[in-house]
């Protein structure tokens, strides 16, 4: 059943990645802003960089659901810098956004297929 845990971590990571991308796009015209990127998911799994953190005391779910994970970010490698010192490339961010959406769909499809297989195996018994 570890596949559900990994898929859940992947979905949290993808959500965090979209947040970082959105932040980059929102600051595309901010002078001196340095584009950020999230640590790759493979590094998260290898180094177990998933840290659980509560953002507000009211957000703790007493039913035992996992709290929102926080992932490390770093300054993105800049291909170019504008005259204002900004390193955001809107084209690059849009490509990363589309790639992240495709990864969400793949992740969801894998979980759905595994869930169906699991239910079919229970029906046969």
C-alpha atoms as a PDB file:
ATOM      1  CA  UNK A   1       0.000   0.000   0.000  1.00  0.00           C
ATOM      2  CA  UNK A   2       3.041   2.241  -0.102  1.00  0.00           C
ATOM      3  CA  UNK A   3       2.024   3.416  -3.561  1.00  0.00           C
ATOM      4  CA  UNK A   4      -0.779   5.504  -2.035  1.00  0.00           C
ATOM      5  CA  UNK A   5       1.657   7.131   0.372  1.00  0.00           C
ATOM      6  CA  UNK A   6       4.127   7.952  -2.397  1.00  0.00           C
ATOM      7  CA  UNK A   7       1.336   9.215  -4.653  1.00  0.00           C
ATOM      8  CA  UNK A   8       0.093  11.429  -1.825  1.00  0.00           C
ATOM      9  CA  UNK A   9       3.583  12.837  -1.262  1.00  0.00           C
ATOM     10  CA  UNK A  10       3.936  13.399  -5.005  1.00  0.00           C
ATOM     11  CA  UNK A  11       0.596  15.250  -5.133  1.00  0.00           C
ATOM     12  CA  UNK A  12       1.693  17.468  -2.212  1.00  0.00           C
ATOM     13  CA  UNK A  13       5.006  18.139  -3.940  1.00  0.00           C
ATOM     14  CA  UNK A  14       3.267  18.977  -7.235  1.00  0.00           C
ATOM     15  CA  UNK A  15       0.946  21.350  -5.393  1.00  0.00           C
ATOM     16  CA  UNK A  16       3.930  23.045  -3.746  1.00  0.00           C
ATOM     17  CA  UNK A  17       5.667  23.259  -7.141  1.00  0.00           C
ATOM     18  CA  UNK A  18       2.647  24.990  -8.652  1.00  0.00           C
ATOM     19  CA  UNK A  19       2.737  27.439  -5.745  1.00  0.00           C
ATOM     20  CA  UNK A  20       6.390  28.267  -6.421  1.00  0.00           C
ATOM     21  CA  UNK A  21       5.688  28.672 -10.142  1.00  0.00           C
ATOM     22  CA  UNK A  22       2.729  30.951  -9.363  1.00  0.00           C
ATOM     23  CA  UNK A  23       4.938  33.024  -7.086  1.00  0.00           C
ATOM     24  CA  UNK A  24       7.516  33.388  -9.845  1.00  0.00           C
ATOM     25  CA  UNK A  25       4.875  34.462 -12.363  1.00  0.00           C
ATOM     26  CA  UNK A  26       3.336  36.913  -9.878  1.00  0.00           C
ATOM     27  CA  UNK A  27       6.744  38.525  -9.360  1.00  0.00           C
ATOM     28  CA  UNK A  28       7.789  38.559 -13.013  1.00  0.00           C
ATOM     29  CA  UNK A  29       7.894  42.367 -13.064  1.00  0.00           C
ATOM     30  CA  UNK A  30       9.261  42.879  -9.545  1.00  0.00           C
ATOM     31  CA  UNK A  31      12.693  44.530  -9.724  1.00  0.00           C
ATOM     32  CA  UNK A  32      15.452  42.370  -8.240  1.00  0.00           C
ATOM     33  CA  UNK A  33      13.232  39.291  -7.786  1.00  0.00           C
ATOM     34  CA  UNK A  34      15.096  36.003  -8.169  1.00  0.00           C
ATOM     35  CA  UNK A  35      13.105  33.085  -9.568  1.00  0.00           C
ATOM     36  CA  UNK A  36      12.705  30.152  -7.167  1.00  0.00           C
ATOM     37  CA  UNK A  37      12.346  26.429  -7.793  1.00  0.00           C
ATOM     38  CA  UNK A  38      11.406  23.538  -5.567  1.00  0.00           C
ATOM     39  CA  UNK A  39      13.743  20.661  -4.740  1.00  0.00           C
ATOM     40  CA  UNK A  40      13.181  17.818  -7.276  1.00  0.00           C
ATOM     41  CA  UNK A  41      10.857  15.056  -6.076  1.00  0.00           C
ATOM     42  CA  UNK A  42      13.563  12.417  -6.550  1.00  0.00           C
ATOM     43  CA  UNK A  43      15.728  14.308  -4.037  1.00  0.00           C
ATOM     44  CA  UNK A  44      12.785  14.536  -1.659  1.00  0.00           C
ATOM     45  CA  UNK A  45      12.393  10.746  -1.725  1.00  0.00           C
ATOM     46  CA  UNK A  46      16.118  10.051  -1.478  1.00  0.00           C
ATOM     47  CA  UNK A  47      16.796  12.522   1.319  1.00  0.00           C
ATOM     48  CA  UNK A  48      13.399  12.282   2.965  1.00  0.00           C
ATOM     49  CA  UNK A  49      13.076  16.053   2.903  1.00  0.00           C
ATOM     50  CA  UNK A  50       9.355  15.967   3.607  1.00  0.00           C
ATOM     51  CA  UNK A  51       8.822  17.948   6.797  1.00  0.00           C
ATOM     52  CA  UNK A  52       5.387  18.130   8.294  1.00  0.00           C
ATOM     53  CA  UNK A  53       4.483  21.518   9.685  1.00  0.00           C
ATOM     54  CA  UNK A  54       1.358  23.108  11.082  1.00  0.00           C
ATOM     55  CA  UNK A  55       0.766  26.583   9.657  1.00  0.00           C
ATOM     56  CA  UNK A  56      -1.885  27.533  12.229  1.00  0.00           C
ATOM     57  CA  UNK A  57      -3.088  25.874  15.447  1.00  0.00           C
ATOM     58  CA  UNK A  58      -6.648  25.695  14.104  1.00  0.00           C
ATOM     59  CA  UNK A  59      -5.437  23.747  11.069  1.00  0.00           C
ATOM     60  CA  UNK A  60      -4.585  20.615  13.048  1.00  0.00           C
ATOM     61  CA  UNK A  61      -7.051  17.881  12.184  1.00  0.00           C
ATOM     62  CA  UNK A  62      -7.696  15.764  15.249  1.00  0.00           C
ATOM     63  CA  UNK A  63      -8.954  12.923  13.037  1.00  0.00           C
ATOM     64  CA  UNK A  64      -5.329  12.122  12.242  1.00  0.00           C
ATOM     65  CA  UNK A  65      -5.036  13.436   8.714  1.00  0.00           C
ATOM     66  CA  UNK A  66      -1.571  14.465   7.596  1.00  0.00           C
ATOM     67  CA  UNK A  67      -0.649  18.093   7.947  1.00  0.00           C
ATOM     68  CA  UNK A  68       0.523  20.067   4.923  1.00  0.00           C
ATOM     69  CA  UNK A  69       4.075  19.215   3.900  1.00  0.00           C
ATOM     70  CA  UNK A  70       6.682  21.891   3.288  1.00  0.00           C
ATOM     71  CA  UNK A  71       9.338  21.408   0.664  1.00  0.00           C
ATOM     72  CA  UNK A  72      12.623  23.204   0.302  1.00  0.00           C
ATOM     73  CA  UNK A  73      13.053  25.786  -2.433  1.00  0.00           C
ATOM     74  CA  UNK A  74      16.171  27.327  -3.868  1.00  0.00           C
ATOM     75  CA  UNK A  75      17.067  30.085  -6.268  1.00  0.00           C
ATOM     76  CA  UNK A  76      16.545  28.923  -9.832  1.00  0.00           C
ATOM     77  CA  UNK A  77      19.403  28.995 -12.298  1.00  0.00           C
ATOM     78  CA  UNK A  78      18.949  32.137 -14.343  1.00  0.00           C
ATOM     79  CA  UNK A  79      19.383  31.900 -18.092  1.00  0.00           C
ATOM     80  CA  UNK A  80      19.123  35.668 -18.296  1.00  0.00           C
ATOM     81  CA  UNK A  81      18.562  38.657 -16.069  1.00  0.00           C
ATOM     82  CA  UNK A  82      16.551  41.721 -17.013  1.00  0.00           C
ATOM     83  CA  UNK A  83      17.878  45.260 -16.588  1.00  0.00           C
ATOM     84  CA  UNK A  84      15.924  45.450 -13.292  1.00  0.00           C
ATOM     85  CA  UNK A  85      17.726  42.386 -11.902  1.00  0.00           C
ATOM     86  CA  UNK A  86      14.733  40.067 -12.268  1.00  0.00           C
ATOM     87  CA  UNK A  87      15.487  36.460 -13.316  1.00  0.00           C
ATOM     88  CA  UNK A  88      11.946  35.188 -14.036  1.00  0.00           C
ATOM     89  CA  UNK A  89      11.362  33.808 -17.539  1.00  0.00           C
ATOM     90  CA  UNK A  90       7.609  33.672 -18.144  1.00  0.00           C
ATOM     91  CA  UNK A  91       8.078  31.179 -20.985  1.00  0.00           C
ATOM     92  CA  UNK A  92      10.049  28.844 -18.727  1.00  0.00           C
ATOM     93  CA  UNK A  93       7.496  29.172 -15.921  1.00  0.00           C
ATOM     94  CA  UNK A  94       4.591  28.414 -18.269  1.00  0.00           C
ATOM     95  CA  UNK A  95       6.381  25.283 -19.501  1.00  0.00           C
ATOM     96  CA  UNK A  96       7.027  24.173 -15.916  1.00  0.00           C
ATOM     97  CA  UNK A  97       3.363  24.806 -15.096  1.00  0.00           C
ATOM     98  CA  UNK A  98       2.155  22.687 -18.013  1.00  0.00           C
ATOM     99  CA  UNK A  99       4.605  19.925 -17.085  1.00  0.00           C
ATOM    100  CA  UNK A 100       3.301  19.971 -13.503  1.00  0.00           C
ATOM    101  CA  UNK A 101      -0.322  19.687 -14.650  1.00  0.00           C
ATOM    102  CA  UNK A 102       0.607  16.680 -16.822  1.00  0.00           C
ATOM    103  CA  UNK A 103       2.350  15.111 -13.821  1.00  0.00           C
ATOM    104  CA  UNK A 104      -0.795  15.655 -11.693  1.00  0.00           C
ATOM    105  CA  UNK A 105      -2.873  13.853 -14.312  1.00  0.00           C
ATOM    106  CA  UNK A 106      -0.410  10.973 -14.496  1.00  0.00           C
ATOM    107  CA  UNK A 107      -0.256  10.684 -10.707  1.00  0.00           C
ATOM    108  CA  UNK A 108      -4.055  10.653 -10.474  1.00  0.00           C
ATOM    109  CA  UNK A 109      -4.345   8.077 -13.260  1.00  0.00           C
ATOM    110  CA  UNK A 110      -1.883   5.727 -11.571  1.00  0.00           C
ATOM    111  CA  UNK A 111      -3.695   5.969  -8.234  1.00  0.00           C
ATOM    112  CA  UNK A 112      -7.059   5.420  -9.926  1.00  0.00           C
ATOM    113  CA  UNK A 113      -5.790   2.333 -11.783  1.00  0.00           C
ATOM    114  CA  UNK A 114      -4.176   0.868  -8.668  1.00  0.00           C
ATOM    115  CA  UNK A 115      -7.345   1.530  -6.669  1.00  0.00           C
ATOM    116  CA  UNK A 116      -9.447  -0.297  -9.287  1.00  0.00           C
ATOM    117  CA  UNK A 117      -7.070  -3.271  -9.243  1.00  0.00           C
ATOM    118  CA  UNK A 118      -7.220  -3.356  -5.466  1.00  0.00           C
ATOM    119  CA  UNK A 119     -11.039  -3.308  -5.457  1.00  0.00           C
ATOM    120  CA  UNK A 120     -11.180  -6.035  -8.116  1.00  0.00           C
ATOM    121  CA  UNK A 121      -8.908  -8.253  -6.065  1.00  0.00           C
ATOM    122  CA  UNK A 122     -11.191  -7.812  -3.050  1.00  0.00           C
ATOM    123  CA  UNK A 123     -14.290  -8.732  -5.067  1.00  0.00           C
ATOM    124  CA  UNK A 124     -12.711 -11.957  -6.340  1.00  0.00           C
ATOM    125  CA  UNK A 125     -12.058 -13.180  -2.800  1.00  0.00           C
END
